[in-house]
Amino acid sequence: MGNNTQPDQSLSVQWLQDHSRAYAGSWVALRNGALLGSADTRQMLIERLGIPAASPELLITWLP
């Protein structure tokens, strides 16, 4: 079976399905189904988090 290097995003996807309406028009960052933060711009969100945007365990997305 080997190591799975891809993070499981299913909890974050479920969070999006359940909560996206409350954050419409915002950028959000999720990890393992938990909201880490939200902001009006992607750059603001990354600066608030203080962690690299390319972290594979993060899901960063804009919610229309």
N, C-alpha and C. Protein backbone atom coordinates (compact mmCIF):
# COMPACT_ATOMS: atom_id res chain seq x y z
N MET A 1 0.80 -1.20 0.00
CA MET A 1 0.00 0.00 0.00
C MET A 1 0.83 1.25 0.00
N GLY A 2 1.91 1.51 0.46
CA GLY A 2 2.69 2.73 0.29
C GLY A 2 2.09 3.93 1.01
N ASN A 3 2.82 5.01 1.00
CA ASN A 3 2.38 6.24 1.65
C ASN A 3 1.52 7.06 0.73
N ASN A 4 0.47 7.61 1.25
CA ASN A 4 -0.38 8.52 0.51
C ASN A 4 0.08 9.93 0.82
N THR A 5 0.69 10.60 -0.15
CA THR A 5 1.21 11.94 0.08
C THR A 5 0.16 13.02 -0.15
N GLN A 6 -1.00 12.66 -0.67
CA GLN A 6 -2.07 13.63 -0.89
C GLN A 6 -2.90 13.77 0.38
N PRO A 7 -3.10 15.01 0.86
CA PRO A 7 -3.94 15.19 2.04
C PRO A 7 -5.39 14.86 1.73
N ASP A 8 -6.10 14.38 2.70
CA ASP A 8 -7.52 14.08 2.55
C ASP A 8 -8.30 15.38 2.76
N GLN A 9 -8.89 15.90 1.72
CA GLN A 9 -9.62 17.16 1.79
C GLN A 9 -11.12 16.96 2.02
N SER A 10 -11.55 15.73 2.26
CA SER A 10 -13.00 15.46 2.34
C SER A 10 -13.67 16.24 3.48
N LEU A 11 -13.01 16.41 4.61
CA LEU A 11 -13.61 17.17 5.71
C LEU A 11 -13.75 18.65 5.34
N SER A 12 -12.76 19.17 4.64
CA SER A 12 -12.83 20.57 4.22
C SER A 12 -13.90 20.78 3.15
N VAL A 13 -14.02 19.83 2.25
CA VAL A 13 -15.07 19.91 1.24
C VAL A 13 -16.45 19.86 1.90
N GLN A 14 -16.60 19.03 2.91
CA GLN A 14 -17.88 18.97 3.64
C GLN A 14 -18.15 20.30 4.34
N TRP A 15 -17.12 20.90 4.93
CA TRP A 15 -17.28 22.20 5.57
C TRP A 15 -17.79 23.22 4.55
N LEU A 16 -17.20 23.23 3.36
CA LEU A 16 -17.64 24.15 2.32
C LEU A 16 -19.11 23.95 1.98
N GLN A 17 -19.53 22.71 1.88
CA GLN A 17 -20.93 22.42 1.57
C GLN A 17 -21.86 22.92 2.67
N ASP A 18 -21.40 22.83 3.91
CA ASP A 18 -22.24 23.20 5.04
C ASP A 18 -22.23 24.69 5.37
N HIS A 19 -21.13 25.40 5.08
CA HIS A 19 -20.95 26.76 5.60
C HIS A 19 -20.65 27.83 4.56
N SER A 20 -20.55 27.48 3.30
CA SER A 20 -20.09 28.46 2.30
C SER A 20 -21.00 29.68 2.21
N ARG A 21 -22.27 29.54 2.42
CA ARG A 21 -23.17 30.69 2.30
C ARG A 21 -22.84 31.78 3.32
N ALA A 22 -22.40 31.38 4.49
CA ALA A 22 -22.07 32.35 5.54
C ALA A 22 -20.82 33.16 5.20
N TYR A 23 -20.00 32.65 4.30
CA TYR A 23 -18.74 33.31 3.94
C TYR A 23 -18.71 33.73 2.47
N ALA A 24 -19.88 33.88 1.87
CA ALA A 24 -19.96 34.28 0.46
C ALA A 24 -19.25 35.60 0.25
N GLY A 25 -18.44 35.65 -0.82
CA GLY A 25 -17.68 36.86 -1.14
C GLY A 25 -16.35 36.96 -0.43
N SER A 26 -15.97 35.91 0.29
CA SER A 26 -14.72 35.92 1.05
C SER A 26 -13.79 34.79 0.60
N TRP A 27 -12.52 34.98 0.91
CA TRP A 27 -11.53 33.91 0.79
C TRP A 27 -11.52 33.18 2.13
N VAL A 28 -11.45 31.86 2.10
CA VAL A 28 -11.38 31.08 3.33
C VAL A 28 -10.21 30.10 3.25
N ALA A 29 -9.68 29.76 4.41
CA ALA A 29 -8.64 28.75 4.51
C ALA A 29 -9.13 27.68 5.47
N LEU A 30 -9.03 26.43 5.03
CA LEU A 30 -9.49 25.29 5.82
C LEU A 30 -8.38 24.27 5.97
N ARG A 31 -8.40 23.57 7.09
CA ARG A 31 -7.50 22.43 7.29
C ARG A 31 -8.30 21.36 8.04
N ASN A 32 -8.39 20.20 7.43
CA ASN A 32 -9.10 19.06 8.04
C ASN A 32 -10.51 19.43 8.49
N GLY A 33 -11.19 20.22 7.69
CA GLY A 33 -12.57 20.57 7.98
C GLY A 33 -12.74 21.68 8.99
N ALA A 34 -11.66 22.34 9.37
CA ALA A 34 -11.73 23.44 10.33
C ALA A 34 -11.37 24.76 9.64
N LEU A 35 -12.16 25.78 9.88
CA LEU A 35 -11.90 27.09 9.33
C LEU A 35 -10.72 27.72 10.07
N LEU A 36 -9.69 28.08 9.33
CA LEU A 36 -8.52 28.74 9.92
C LEU A 36 -8.65 30.25 9.87
N GLY A 37 -9.38 30.74 8.87
CA GLY A 37 -9.56 32.18 8.75
C GLY A 37 -10.27 32.54 7.47
N SER A 38 -10.68 33.81 7.41
CA SER A 38 -11.32 34.33 6.21
C SER A 38 -10.88 35.78 6.03
N ALA A 39 -10.96 36.26 4.79
CA ALA A 39 -10.56 37.63 4.48
C ALA A 39 -11.16 38.03 3.15
N ASP A 40 -11.08 39.34 2.88
CA ASP A 40 -11.61 39.87 1.62
C ASP A 40 -10.72 39.54 0.43
N THR A 41 -9.42 39.38 0.67
CA THR A 41 -8.50 39.05 -0.41
C THR A 41 -7.66 37.84 -0.01
N ARG A 42 -7.14 37.16 -1.02
CA ARG A 42 -6.28 35.99 -0.77
C ARG A 42 -5.02 36.42 -0.03
N GLN A 43 -4.43 37.53 -0.46
CA GLN A 43 -3.21 38.01 0.18
C GLN A 43 -3.43 38.33 1.65
N MET A 44 -4.53 38.99 1.98
CA MET A 44 -4.83 39.29 3.38
C MET A 44 -4.97 38.00 4.20
N LEU A 45 -5.61 37.02 3.61
CA LEU A 45 -5.80 35.75 4.31
C LEU A 45 -4.46 35.08 4.60
N ILE A 46 -3.61 35.02 3.60
CA ILE A 46 -2.29 34.40 3.77
C ILE A 46 -1.48 35.15 4.82
N GLU A 47 -1.53 36.46 4.80
CA GLU A 47 -0.80 37.25 5.79
C GLU A 47 -1.34 37.00 7.20
N ARG A 48 -2.65 36.90 7.35
CA ARG A 48 -3.26 36.62 8.66
C ARG A 48 -2.85 35.25 9.19
N LEU A 49 -2.80 34.29 8.30
CA LEU A 49 -2.46 32.93 8.72
C LEU A 49 -1.00 32.81 9.12
N GLY A 50 -0.14 33.56 8.44
CA GLY A 50 1.27 33.51 8.74
C GLY A 50 1.93 32.18 8.38
N ILE A 51 1.35 31.48 7.43
CA ILE A 51 1.92 30.21 6.96
C ILE A 51 1.93 30.21 5.44
N PRO A 52 2.78 29.40 4.83
CA PRO A 52 2.85 29.38 3.37
C PRO A 52 1.52 28.96 2.73
N ALA A 53 1.14 29.66 1.68
CA ALA A 53 -0.10 29.35 0.97
C ALA A 53 -0.01 28.01 0.27
N ALA A 54 1.21 27.55 0.03
CA ALA A 54 1.39 26.30 -0.70
C ALA A 54 1.40 25.08 0.22
N SER A 55 1.05 25.26 1.49
CA SER A 55 1.00 24.12 2.40
C SER A 55 -0.02 23.11 1.88
N PRO A 56 0.39 21.87 1.63
CA PRO A 56 -0.51 20.91 1.00
C PRO A 56 -1.74 20.55 1.83
N GLU A 57 -1.67 20.72 3.13
CA GLU A 57 -2.82 20.36 3.96
C GLU A 57 -3.89 21.44 3.99
N LEU A 58 -3.60 22.61 3.40
CA LEU A 58 -4.56 23.71 3.38
C LEU A 58 -5.44 23.66 2.14
N LEU A 59 -6.66 24.09 2.35
CA LEU A 59 -7.57 24.35 1.23
C LEU A 59 -7.90 25.83 1.31
N ILE A 60 -7.43 26.60 0.34
CA ILE A 60 -7.70 28.04 0.27
C ILE A 60 -8.53 28.27 -0.97
N THR A 61 -9.68 28.92 -0.77
CA THR A 61 -10.58 29.14 -1.90
C THR A 61 -11.41 30.39 -1.68
N TRP A 62 -11.90 30.94 -2.79
CA TRP A 62 -12.81 32.07 -2.75
C TRP A 62 -14.23 31.54 -2.88
N LEU A 63 -15.12 32.07 -2.08
CA LEU A 63 -16.52 31.65 -2.12
C LEU A 63 -17.37 32.73 -2.78
N PRO A 64 -17.95 32.42 -3.91
CA PRO A 64 -18.75 33.42 -4.63
C PRO A 64 -20.03 33.78 -3.90
